């Protein structure tokens, strides 16, 4: 079971590691500020199974 995954911040290009909460559902979305450049990102988490998790982010537009 994976408990962490990562995405690349669109603003600064840094790899950001985030915790994965499998109990939160198979499709998750939340806003998180990049810990490096502080720009807000909309983080998407797609849990296909306990071993296959896709995480990506896009800049928050609002």
C-alpha atoms as a PDB file:
ATOM      1  CA  UNK A   1       0.000   0.000   0.000  1.00  0.00           C
ATOM      2  CA  UNK A   2       1.298   3.443  -0.932  1.00  0.00           C
ATOM      3  CA  UNK A   3       1.010   6.157   1.687  1.00  0.00           C
ATOM      4  CA  UNK A   4       2.818   8.873  -0.309  1.00  0.00           C
ATOM      5  CA  UNK A   5       2.924  10.061  -3.894  1.00  0.00           C
ATOM      6  CA  UNK A   6       4.352  13.092  -5.674  1.00  0.00           C
ATOM      7  CA  UNK A   7       3.532  15.708  -8.276  1.00  0.00           C
ATOM      8  CA  UNK A   8       5.509  18.437 -10.034  1.00  0.00           C
ATOM      9  CA  UNK A   9       4.601  22.026  -9.160  1.00  0.00           C
ATOM     10  CA  UNK A  10       3.679  23.922 -12.339  1.00  0.00           C
ATOM     11  CA  UNK A  11       5.006  27.165 -10.881  1.00  0.00           C
ATOM     12  CA  UNK A  12       8.507  26.178  -9.759  1.00  0.00           C
ATOM     13  CA  UNK A  13       9.068  22.684 -11.198  1.00  0.00           C
ATOM     14  CA  UNK A  14       9.850  21.066  -7.842  1.00  0.00           C
ATOM     15  CA  UNK A  15       8.694  17.551  -7.021  1.00  0.00           C
ATOM     16  CA  UNK A  16       6.266  17.717  -4.089  1.00  0.00           C
ATOM     17  CA  UNK A  17       5.535  14.628  -1.974  1.00  0.00           C
ATOM     18  CA  UNK A  18       2.029  14.389  -0.494  1.00  0.00           C
ATOM     19  CA  UNK A  19       0.457  11.843   1.858  1.00  0.00           C
ATOM     20  CA  UNK A  20      -2.245   9.602   0.399  1.00  0.00           C
ATOM     21  CA  UNK A  21      -5.398   8.865   2.405  1.00  0.00           C
ATOM     22  CA  UNK A  22      -7.004   5.811   0.815  1.00  0.00           C
ATOM     23  CA  UNK A  23     -10.047   6.222   3.083  1.00  0.00           C
ATOM     24  CA  UNK A  24     -10.854   9.578   1.410  1.00  0.00           C
ATOM     25  CA  UNK A  25     -12.085   7.868  -1.753  1.00  0.00           C
ATOM     26  CA  UNK A  26     -10.833   6.942  -5.196  1.00  0.00           C
ATOM     27  CA  UNK A  27     -11.115  10.475  -6.660  1.00  0.00           C
ATOM     28  CA  UNK A  28      -9.819  13.298  -4.510  1.00  0.00           C
ATOM     29  CA  UNK A  29      -9.199  16.980  -5.191  1.00  0.00           C
ATOM     30  CA  UNK A  30      -7.900  19.665  -2.856  1.00  0.00           C
ATOM     31  CA  UNK A  31      -5.959  22.940  -2.904  1.00  0.00           C
ATOM     32  CA  UNK A  32      -2.487  22.980  -1.383  1.00  0.00           C
ATOM     33  CA  UNK A  33       0.172  25.696  -1.422  1.00  0.00           C
ATOM     34  CA  UNK A  34       3.515  24.558  -2.808  1.00  0.00           C
ATOM     35  CA  UNK A  35       5.929  24.311   0.150  1.00  0.00           C
ATOM     36  CA  UNK A  36       8.738  25.653  -2.069  1.00  0.00           C
ATOM     37  CA  UNK A  37       7.229  28.628  -3.938  1.00  0.00           C
ATOM     38  CA  UNK A  38       3.918  29.081  -2.027  1.00  0.00           C
ATOM     39  CA  UNK A  39       1.761  29.138  -5.188  1.00  0.00           C
ATOM     40  CA  UNK A  40      -1.586  27.348  -4.713  1.00  0.00           C
ATOM     41  CA  UNK A  41      -2.088  24.118  -6.662  1.00  0.00           C
ATOM     42  CA  UNK A  42      -5.220  22.057  -7.214  1.00  0.00           C
ATOM     43  CA  UNK A  43      -4.016  18.549  -6.409  1.00  0.00           C
ATOM     44  CA  UNK A  44      -5.834  15.615  -8.012  1.00  0.00           C
ATOM     45  CA  UNK A  45      -5.509  12.080  -6.639  1.00  0.00           C
ATOM     46  CA  UNK A  46      -6.860   9.058  -8.474  1.00  0.00           C
ATOM     47  CA  UNK A  47      -6.652   5.756  -6.616  1.00  0.00           C
ATOM     48  CA  UNK A  48      -7.046   2.802  -8.978  1.00  0.00           C
ATOM     49  CA  UNK A  49      -6.022   0.257  -6.328  1.00  0.00           C
ATOM     50  CA  UNK A  50      -3.676   0.191  -3.333  1.00  0.00           C
ATOM     51  CA  UNK A  51      -0.633  -0.056  -5.628  1.00  0.00           C
ATOM     52  CA  UNK A  52      -1.700   2.262  -8.485  1.00  0.00           C
ATOM     53  CA  UNK A  53      -2.158   5.906  -7.548  1.00  0.00           C
ATOM     54  CA  UNK A  54      -1.967   8.866  -9.938  1.00  0.00           C
ATOM     55  CA  UNK A  55      -1.322  12.357  -8.577  1.00  0.00           C
ATOM     56  CA  UNK A  56      -1.115  15.535 -10.618  1.00  0.00           C
ATOM     57  CA  UNK A  57      -1.586  19.227  -9.985  1.00  0.00           C
ATOM     58  CA  UNK A  58      -2.542  22.359 -11.829  1.00  0.00           C
ATOM     59  CA  UNK A  59      -2.340  25.985 -10.745  1.00  0.00           C
ATOM     60  CA  UNK A  60      -5.365  27.285  -8.891  1.00  0.00           C
ATOM     61  CA  UNK A  61      -7.088  29.848 -11.121  1.00  0.00           C
ATOM     62  CA  UNK A  62      -9.295  31.622  -8.590  1.00  0.00           C
END
